[in-house]
PDB file of N, CA and C in Angstrom:
ATOM      1  N   MET A   1     100.520  90.216  39.828  1.00  0.00           N
ATOM      2  CA  MET A   1      99.192  89.178  39.924  1.00  0.00           C
ATOM      3  C   MET A   1      99.541  87.921  39.151  1.00  0.00           C
ATOM      4  N   ALA A   2      98.976  86.849  39.628  1.00  0.00           N
ATOM      5  CA  ALA A   2      99.117  85.331  39.145  1.00  0.00           C
ATOM      6  C   ALA A   2      98.461  85.390  37.842  1.00  0.00           C
ATOM      7  N   GLU A   3      98.791  84.539  37.114  1.00  0.00           N
ATOM      8  CA  GLU A   3      98.150  84.104  35.983  1.00  0.00           C
ATOM      9  C   GLU A   3      96.859  83.254  36.274  1.00  0.00           C
ATOM     10  N   ALA A   4      95.866  83.140  35.346  1.00  0.00           N
ATOM     11  CA  ALA A   4      94.731  82.234  35.586  1.00  0.00           C
ATOM     12  C   ALA A   4      95.002  80.973  35.626  1.00  0.00           C
ATOM     13  N   GLU A   5      96.062  80.542  35.081  1.00  0.00           N
ATOM     14  CA  GLU A   5      96.508  79.151  35.171  1.00  0.00           C
ATOM     15  C   GLU A   5      97.567  78.610  36.205  1.00  0.00           C
ATOM     16  N   GLY A   6      97.746  77.409  36.642  1.00  0.00           N
ATOM     17  CA  GLY A   6      98.752  77.089  37.525  1.00  0.00           C
ATOM     18  C   GLY A   6      98.156  76.930  38.722  1.00  0.00           C
ATOM     19  N   GLY A   7      99.064  76.966  39.894  1.00  0.00           N
ATOM     20  CA  GLY A   7      98.861  76.725  41.323  1.00  0.00           C
ATOM     21  C   GLY A   7      98.120  77.741  41.817  1.00  0.00           C
ATOM     22  N   PRO A   8      97.666  77.812  43.125  1.00  0.00           N
ATOM     23  CA  PRO A   8      97.178  78.872  44.167  1.00  0.00           C
ATOM     24  C   PRO A   8      98.083  80.013  44.119  1.00  0.00           C
ATOM     25  N   ASP A   9      97.751  81.231  44.236  1.00  0.00           N
ATOM     26  CA  ASP A   9      98.386  82.343  44.493  1.00  0.00           C
ATOM     27  C   ASP A   9      98.332  82.726  45.927  1.00  0.00           C
ATOM     28  N   MET A  10      99.214  81.922  46.791  1.00  0.00           N
ATOM     29  CA  MET A  10      98.830  82.171  48.305  1.00  0.00           C
ATOM     30  C   MET A  10      99.663  83.308  48.770  1.00  0.00           C
ATOM     31  N   VAL A  11      98.740  84.196  49.370  1.00  0.00           N
ATOM     32  CA  VAL A  11      99.410  85.385  50.065  1.00  0.00           C
ATOM     33  C   VAL A  11      99.031  85.357  51.569  1.00  0.00           C
ATOM     34  N   SER A  12      99.755  86.131  52.284  1.00  0.00           N
ATOM     35  CA  SER A  12      99.523  86.369  53.867  1.00  0.00           C
ATOM     36  C   SER A  12      98.420  87.366  53.977  1.00  0.00           C
ATOM     37  N   PHE A  13      97.899  87.649  55.085  1.00  0.00           N
ATOM     38  CA  PHE A  13      96.664  88.606  55.225  1.00  0.00           C
ATOM     39  C   PHE A  13      97.210  89.908  55.073  1.00  0.00           C
ATOM     40  N   ARG A  14      98.351  89.991  55.418  1.00  0.00           N
ATOM     41  CA  ARG A  14      99.118  91.535  55.290  1.00  0.00           C
ATOM     42  C   ARG A  14      99.030  91.706  53.617  1.00  0.00           C
ATOM     43  N   GLU A  15      99.654  90.956  52.998  1.00  0.00           N
ATOM     44  CA  GLU A  15      99.602  90.977  51.540  1.00  0.00           C
ATOM     45  C   GLU A  15      98.221  90.976  50.882  1.00  0.00           C
ATOM     46  N   LEU A  16      97.214  90.240  51.330  1.00  0.00           N
ATOM     47  CA  LEU A  16      95.905  90.311  51.025  1.00  0.00           C
ATOM     48  C   LEU A  16      95.310  91.643  51.007  1.00  0.00           C
ATOM     49  N   ALA A  17      95.623  92.366  52.417  1.00  0.00           N
ATOM     50  CA  ALA A  17      94.884  93.637  52.624  1.00  0.00           C
ATOM     51  C   ALA A  17      95.587  94.619  51.617  1.00  0.00           C
ATOM     52  N   ARG A  18      96.823  94.615  51.252  1.00  0.00           N
ATOM     53  CA  ARG A  18      97.388  95.384  50.441  1.00  0.00           C
ATOM     54  C   ARG A  18      97.058  95.349  49.011  1.00  0.00           C
ATOM     55  N   ARG A  19      96.794  93.861  48.514  1.00  0.00           N
ATOM     56  CA  ARG A  19      96.342  93.739  47.153  1.00  0.00           C
ATOM     57  C   ARG A  19      94.974  94.133  47.011  1.00  0.00           C
ATOM     58  N   LEU A  20      94.148  93.999  47.807  1.00  0.00           N
ATOM     59  CA  LEU A  20      92.680  94.235  47.775  1.00  0.00           C
ATOM     60  C   LEU A  20      92.549  95.938  47.717  1.00  0.00           C
ATOM     61  N   VAL A  21      93.247  96.622  48.465  1.00  0.00           N
ATOM     62  CA  VAL A  21      93.126  98.077  48.300  1.00  0.00           C
ATOM     63  C   VAL A  21      93.791  98.438  46.818  1.00  0.00           C
ATOM     64  N   ALA A  22      95.101  97.809  46.697  1.00  0.00           N
ATOM     65  CA  ALA A  22      95.681  98.298  45.360  1.00  0.00           C
ATOM     66  C   ALA A  22      94.836  97.917  44.111  1.00  0.00           C
ATOM     67  N   ASP A  23      94.044  96.798  44.298  1.00  0.00           N
ATOM     68  CA  ASP A  23      93.225  96.472  43.081  1.00  0.00           C
ATOM     69  C   ASP A  23      92.063  97.261  42.892  1.00  0.00           C
ATOM     70  N   GLY A  24      91.582  97.860  44.071  1.00  0.00           N
ATOM     71  CA  GLY A  24      90.420  98.582  44.138  1.00  0.00           C
ATOM     72  C   GLY A  24      89.113  97.953  44.462  1.00  0.00           C
ATOM     73  N   ILE A  25      89.485  96.640  44.954  1.00  0.00           N
ATOM     74  CA  ILE A  25      88.184  95.793  45.465  1.00  0.00           C
ATOM     75  C   ILE A  25      87.598  96.533  46.858  1.00  0.00           C
ATOM     76  N   VAL A  26      88.555  96.876  47.673  1.00  0.00           N
ATOM     77  CA  VAL A  26      87.950  97.585  48.833  1.00  0.00           C
ATOM     78  C   VAL A  26      88.813  98.643  49.048  1.00  0.00           C
ATOM     79  N   GLU A  27      88.033  99.866  49.827  1.00  0.00           N
ATOM     80  CA  GLU A  27      88.599 101.169  49.864  1.00  0.00           C
ATOM     81  C   GLU A  27      89.709 100.989  50.934  1.00  0.00           C
ATOM     82  N   THR A  28      89.553 100.236  52.060  1.00  0.00           N
ATOM     83  CA  THR A  28      90.372 100.235  53.108  1.00  0.00           C
ATOM     84  C   THR A  28      90.040  98.880  53.955  1.00  0.00           C
ATOM     85  N   ILE A  29      91.342  98.202  54.188  1.00  0.00           N
ATOM     86  CA  ILE A  29      90.956  97.055  55.099  1.00  0.00           C
ATOM     87  C   ILE A  29      92.555  96.716  55.785  1.00  0.00           C
ATOM     88  N   SER A  30      92.529  96.224  56.999  1.00  0.00           N
ATOM     89  CA  SER A  30      93.587  95.729  57.714  1.00  0.00           C
ATOM     90  C   SER A  30      93.768  94.265  57.870  1.00  0.00           C
ATOM     91  N   HIS A  31      94.838  93.866  58.139  1.00  0.00           N
ATOM     92  CA  HIS A  31      95.220  92.432  58.089  1.00  0.00           C
ATOM     93  C   HIS A  31      94.461  91.878  59.473  1.00  0.00           C
ATOM     94  N   GLN A  32      94.193  92.740  60.428  1.00  0.00           N
ATOM     95  CA  GLN A  32      93.582  92.313  61.574  1.00  0.00           C
ATOM     96  C   GLN A  32      92.020  92.106  61.369  1.00  0.00           C
ATOM     97  N   ARG A  33      91.584  93.012  60.470  1.00  0.00           N
ATOM     98  CA  ARG A  33      90.128  92.809  60.031  1.00  0.00           C
ATOM     99  C   ARG A  33      90.012  91.557  59.098  1.00  0.00           C
ATOM    100  N   LEU A  34      90.942  91.367  58.378  1.00  0.00           N
ATOM    101  CA  LEU A  34      90.753  89.990  57.426  1.00  0.00           C
ATOM    102  C   LEU A  34      90.919  88.856  58.275  1.00  0.00           C
ATOM    103  N   SER A  35      91.714  88.947  59.378  1.00  0.00           N
ATOM    104  CA  SER A  35      91.631  87.740  60.501  1.00  0.00           C
ATOM    105  C   SER A  35      90.360  87.513  61.110  1.00  0.00           C
ATOM    106  N   LYS A  36      89.747  88.440  61.387  1.00  0.00           N
ATOM    107  CA  LYS A  36      88.400  88.660  62.200  1.00  0.00           C
ATOM    108  C   LYS A  36      87.410  87.790  61.139  1.00  0.00           C
ATOM    109  N   ILE A  37      87.352  88.341  60.070  1.00  0.00           N
ATOM    110  CA  ILE A  37      86.312  87.902  59.081  1.00  0.00           C
ATOM    111  C   ILE A  37      86.559  86.381  58.804  1.00  0.00           C
ATOM    112  N   SER A  38      87.917  86.004  58.650  1.00  0.00           N
ATOM    113  CA  SER A  38      88.316  84.770  58.441  1.00  0.00           C
ATOM    114  C   SER A  38      87.567  83.604  59.573  1.00  0.00           C
ATOM    115  N   ARG A  39      87.394  84.261  60.565  1.00  0.00           N
ATOM    116  CA  ARG A  39      87.180  83.370  61.742  1.00  0.00           C
ATOM    117  C   ARG A  39      85.743  83.379  61.859  1.00  0.00           C
ATOM    118  N   GLU A  40      84.903  84.574  61.579  1.00  0.00           N
ATOM    119  CA  GLU A  40      83.683  84.589  61.691  1.00  0.00           C
ATOM    120  C   GLU A  40      82.495  84.364  60.538  1.00  0.00           C
ATOM    121  N   ASP A  41      83.208  84.340  59.369  1.00  0.00           N
ATOM    122  CA  ASP A  41      82.432  83.945  58.163  1.00  0.00           C
ATOM    123  C   ASP A  41      82.782  82.926  57.566  1.00  0.00           C
ATOM    124  N   PRO A  42      81.734  81.776  57.661  1.00  0.00           N
ATOM    125  CA  PRO A  42      82.155  80.447  57.189  1.00  0.00           C
ATOM    126  C   PRO A  42      82.220  80.448  55.599  1.00  0.00           C
ATOM    127  N   ALA A  43      82.040  81.307  54.890  1.00  0.00           N
ATOM    128  CA  ALA A  43      82.053  81.467  53.343  1.00  0.00           C
ATOM    129  C   ALA A  43      83.475  81.995  52.832  1.00  0.00           C
ATOM    130  N   PHE A  44      84.268  82.516  54.030  1.00  0.00           N
ATOM    131  CA  PHE A  44      85.542  82.929  53.822  1.00  0.00           C
ATOM    132  C   PHE A  44      86.432  82.039  53.138  1.00  0.00           C
ATOM    133  N   PRO A  45      87.180  82.315  52.068  1.00  0.00           N
ATOM    134  CA  PRO A  45      88.139  81.111  51.448  1.00  0.00           C
ATOM    135  C   PRO A  45      89.066  80.262  52.384  1.00  0.00           C
ATOM    136  N   PRO A  46      89.093  79.066  51.953  1.00  0.00           N
ATOM    137  CA  PRO A  46      90.047  78.313  53.101  1.00  0.00           C
ATOM    138  C   PRO A  46      91.485  79.048  53.361  1.00  0.00           C
ATOM    139  N   VAL A  47      91.675  78.995  54.691  1.00  0.00           N
ATOM    140  CA  VAL A  47      93.023  79.369  55.208  1.00  0.00           C
ATOM    141  C   VAL A  47      93.766  78.524  55.494  1.00  0.00           C
ATOM    142  N   MET A  48      95.251  78.677  55.055  1.00  0.00           N
ATOM    143  CA  MET A  48      96.068  77.727  55.418  1.00  0.00           C
ATOM    144  C   MET A  48      97.307  78.168  56.319  1.00  0.00           C
ATOM    145  N   ARG A  49      97.763  77.490  57.185  1.00  0.00           N
ATOM    146  CA  ARG A  49      98.884  77.931  58.195  1.00  0.00           C
ATOM    147  C   ARG A  49     100.234  77.586  57.398  1.00  0.00           C
ATOM    148  N   VAL A  50     100.884  78.665  57.334  1.00  0.00           N
ATOM    149  CA  VAL A  50     102.309  78.505  56.671  1.00  0.00           C
ATOM    150  C   VAL A  50     103.182  79.051  57.748  1.00  0.00           C
ATOM    151  N   GLY A  51     104.050  78.321  58.499  1.00  0.00           N
ATOM    152  CA  GLY A  51     104.690  78.653  59.740  1.00  0.00           C
ATOM    153  C   GLY A  51     103.847  79.173  60.720  1.00  0.00           C
ATOM    154  N   LYS A  52     104.184  80.469  60.971  1.00  0.00           N
ATOM    155  CA  LYS A  52     103.349  81.120  62.032  1.00  0.00           C
ATOM    156  C   LYS A  52     102.186  82.038  61.351  1.00  0.00           C
ATOM    157  N   THR A  53     102.165  81.968  59.822  1.00  0.00           N
ATOM    158  CA  THR A  53     101.382  82.916  59.104  1.00  0.00           C
ATOM    159  C   THR A  53     100.152  82.225  58.564  1.00  0.00           C
ATOM    160  N   ASN A  54      98.954  83.126  58.432  1.00  0.00           N
ATOM    161  CA  ASN A  54      97.841  82.508  57.771  1.00  0.00           C
ATOM    162  C   ASN A  54      97.911  83.097  56.300  1.00  0.00           C
ATOM    163  N   ALA A  55      97.649  82.186  55.351  1.00  0.00           N
ATOM    164  CA  ALA A  55      97.458  82.508  54.205  1.00  0.00           C
ATOM    165  C   ALA A  55      96.247  82.054  53.474  1.00  0.00           C
ATOM    166  N   VAL A  56      96.037  82.698  52.351  1.00  0.00           N
ATOM    167  CA  VAL A  56      94.768  82.328  51.590  1.00  0.00           C
ATOM    168  C   VAL A  56      95.079  82.570  50.165  1.00  0.00           C
ATOM    169  N   ASP A  57      94.405  82.000  49.195  1.00  0.00           N
ATOM    170  CA  ASP A  57      94.530  81.964  47.825  1.00  0.00           C
ATOM    171  C   ASP A  57      93.926  83.253  47.403  1.00  0.00           C
ATOM    172  N   TYR A  58      94.692  84.185  46.729  1.00  0.00           N
ATOM    173  CA  TYR A  58      94.216  85.532  46.270  1.00  0.00           C
ATOM    174  C   TYR A  58      93.110  85.228  45.166  1.00  0.00           C
ATOM    175  N   ARG A  59      93.311  84.214  44.444  1.00  0.00           N
ATOM    176  CA  ARG A  59      92.235  83.875  43.413  1.00  0.00           C
ATOM    177  C   ARG A  59      90.882  83.595  43.925  1.00  0.00           C
ATOM    178  N   LEU A  60      90.805  83.105  45.076  1.00  0.00           N
ATOM    179  CA  LEU A  60      89.456  82.847  45.697  1.00  0.00           C
ATOM    180  C   LEU A  60      89.105  83.902  46.582  1.00  0.00           C
ATOM    181  N   ALA A  61      90.175  84.743  47.159  1.00  0.00           N
ATOM    182  CA  ALA A  61      89.750  85.813  48.103  1.00  0.00           C
ATOM    183  C   ALA A  61      89.066  87.236  47.241  1.00  0.00           C
ATOM    184  N   ALA A  62      89.774  87.406  46.059  1.00  0.00           N
ATOM    185  CA  ALA A  62      89.357  88.565  45.448  1.00  0.00           C
ATOM    186  C   ALA A  62      87.899  88.474  44.994  1.00  0.00           C
ATOM    187  N   PRO A  63      87.454  87.464  44.582  1.00  0.00           N
ATOM    188  CA  PRO A  63      85.837  87.417  44.218  1.00  0.00           C
ATOM    189  C   PRO A  63      84.996  87.174  45.374  1.00  0.00           C
ATOM    190  N   TYR A  64      85.541  86.848  46.479  1.00  0.00           N
ATOM    191  CA  TYR A  64      84.798  86.823  47.747  1.00  0.00           C
ATOM    192  C   TYR A  64      84.600  88.325  48.403  1.00  0.00           C
ATOM    193  N   PHE A  65      85.635  89.125  48.098  1.00  0.00           N
ATOM    194  CA  PHE A  65      85.443  90.438  48.585  1.00  0.00           C
ATOM    195  C   PHE A  65      84.718  91.374  47.661  1.00  0.00           C
ATOM    196  N   ARG A  66      84.946  90.999  46.365  1.00  0.00           N
ATOM    197  CA  ARG A  66      84.200  91.761  45.420  1.00  0.00           C
ATOM    198  C   ARG A  66      82.391  91.570  45.593  1.00  0.00           C
ATOM    199  N   ASN A  67      82.372  90.267  45.889  1.00  0.00           N
ATOM    200  CA  ASN A  67      80.801  90.048  46.186  1.00  0.00           C
ATOM    201  C   ASN A  67      80.257  90.126  47.633  1.00  0.00           C
ATOM    202  N   ARG A  68      80.955  90.568  48.536  1.00  0.00           N
ATOM    203  CA  ARG A  68      80.864  90.720  49.952  1.00  0.00           C
ATOM    204  C   ARG A  68      79.792  91.888  50.118  1.00  0.00           C
ATOM    205  N   VAL A  69      78.817  91.663  50.881  1.00  0.00           N
ATOM    206  CA  VAL A  69      77.965  92.770  51.492  1.00  0.00           C
ATOM    207  C   VAL A  69      78.437  93.343  52.855  1.00  0.00           C
ATOM    208  N   THR A  70      78.757  94.592  52.845  1.00  0.00           N
ATOM    209  CA  THR A  70      79.416  95.064  54.014  1.00  0.00           C
ATOM    210  C   THR A  70      78.122  95.867  54.878  1.00  0.00           C
ATOM    211  N   ARG A  71      78.175  95.872  55.930  1.00  0.00           N
ATOM    212  CA  ARG A  71      77.217  96.437  57.007  1.00  0.00           C
ATOM    213  C   ARG A  71      78.076  97.370  58.053  1.00  0.00           C
ATOM    214  N   PRO A  72      78.324  98.612  57.541  1.00  0.00           N
ATOM    215  CA  PRO A  72      79.180  99.275  58.518  1.00  0.00           C
ATOM    216  C   PRO A  72      78.340  99.714  59.651  1.00  0.00           C
ATOM    217  N   GLY A  73      79.248  99.664  60.785  1.00  0.00           N
ATOM    218  CA  GLY A  73      78.561  99.856  62.339  1.00  0.00           C
ATOM    219  C   GLY A  73      78.233 101.165  62.436  1.00  0.00           C
ATOM    220  N   TRP A  74      77.601 101.590  63.404  1.00  0.00           N
ATOM    221  CA  TRP A  74      77.435 102.973  64.049  1.00  0.00           C
ATOM    222  C   TRP A  74      78.611 103.176  64.939  1.00  0.00           C
ATOM    223  N   ARG A  75      79.047 104.429  64.659  1.00  0.00           N
ATOM    224  CA  ARG A  75      80.202 104.912  65.524  1.00  0.00           C
ATOM    225  C   ARG A  75      79.577 105.530  66.703  1.00  0.00           C
ATOM    226  N   THR A  76      79.449 104.782  67.750  1.00  0.00           N
ATOM    227  CA  THR A  76      78.915 105.256  69.071  1.00  0.00           C
ATOM    228  C   THR A  76      79.996 106.350  69.740  1.00  0.00           C
ATOM    229  N   ASP A  77      81.248 106.104  69.483  1.00  0.00           N
ATOM    230  CA  ASP A  77      82.260 106.967  70.011  1.00  0.00           C
ATOM    231  C   ASP A  77      82.018 108.398  69.424  1.00  0.00           C
ATOM    232  N   LEU A  78      81.466 108.519  68.085  1.00  0.00           N
ATOM    233  CA  LEU A  78      81.350 109.808  67.461  1.00  0.00           C
ATOM    234  C   LEU A  78      79.803 110.300  67.528  1.00  0.00           C
ATOM    235  N   LYS A  79      79.045 109.549  67.483  1.00  0.00           N
ATOM    236  CA  LYS A  79      77.600 109.773  67.129  1.00  0.00           C
ATOM    237  C   LYS A  79      76.759 109.418  68.414  1.00  0.00           C
ATOM    238  N   GLY A  80      77.128 108.961  69.453  1.00  0.00           N
ATOM    239  CA  GLY A  80      76.293 108.417  70.492  1.00  0.00           C
ATOM    240  C   GLY A  80      75.530 107.231  70.063  1.00  0.00           C
ATOM    241  N   LYS A  81      74.562 106.901  70.840  1.00  0.00           N
ATOM    242  CA  LYS A  81      73.501 105.691  70.508  1.00  0.00           C
ATOM    243  C   LYS A  81      72.843 105.945  69.215  1.00  0.00           C
ATOM    244  N   PRO A  82      72.554 104.854  68.418  1.00  0.00           N
ATOM    245  CA  PRO A  82      71.837 104.931  67.152  1.00  0.00           C
ATOM    246  C   PRO A  82      70.279 105.239  67.528  1.00  0.00           C
ATOM    247  N   PRO A  83      69.764 105.910  66.542  1.00  0.00           N
ATOM    248  CA  PRO A  83      68.393 106.330  66.922  1.00  0.00           C
ATOM    249  C   PRO A  83      67.583 104.781  67.155  1.00  0.00           C
ATOM    250  N   ALA A  84      66.425 104.919  67.793  1.00  0.00           N
ATOM    251  CA  ALA A  84      65.517 103.870  67.960  1.00  0.00           C
ATOM    252  C   ALA A  84      64.886 103.529  66.697  1.00  0.00           C
ATOM    253  N   SER A  85      64.716 102.408  66.257  1.00  0.00           N
ATOM    254  CA  SER A  85      64.129 101.805  65.063  1.00  0.00           C
ATOM    255  C   SER A  85      62.584 102.046  65.340  1.00  0.00           C
ATOM    256  N   ASP A  86      62.116 102.064  64.031  1.00  0.00           N
ATOM    257  CA  ASP A  86      60.436 102.165  64.069  1.00  0.00           C
ATOM    258  C   ASP A  86      59.694 100.992  63.952  1.00  0.00           C
ATOM    259  N   GLU A  87      60.367  99.902  64.269  1.00  0.00           N
ATOM    260  CA  GLU A  87      59.807  98.492  64.109  1.00  0.00           C
ATOM    261  C   GLU A  87      58.938  98.178  64.983  1.00  0.00           C
TER     262      GLU A  87
END
């Protein structure tokens, strides 16, 4: 883990996924999911292109994921359609 001082701690999405799980911030996440979140959430930390790899500063990504509210989806392949809401 990088020290609080100094430059950014740039990591690839694969390494970010590994560290988020190892640090207990998330239970499980894939680099593919990180890529999707980075494209869809404007609050995601800035992504830098390093060669063919996307990289993000771990010191910005860790707090983002600690504070991120997740909304797990309904597994239609296992449970069928969700129940109708009473709204």
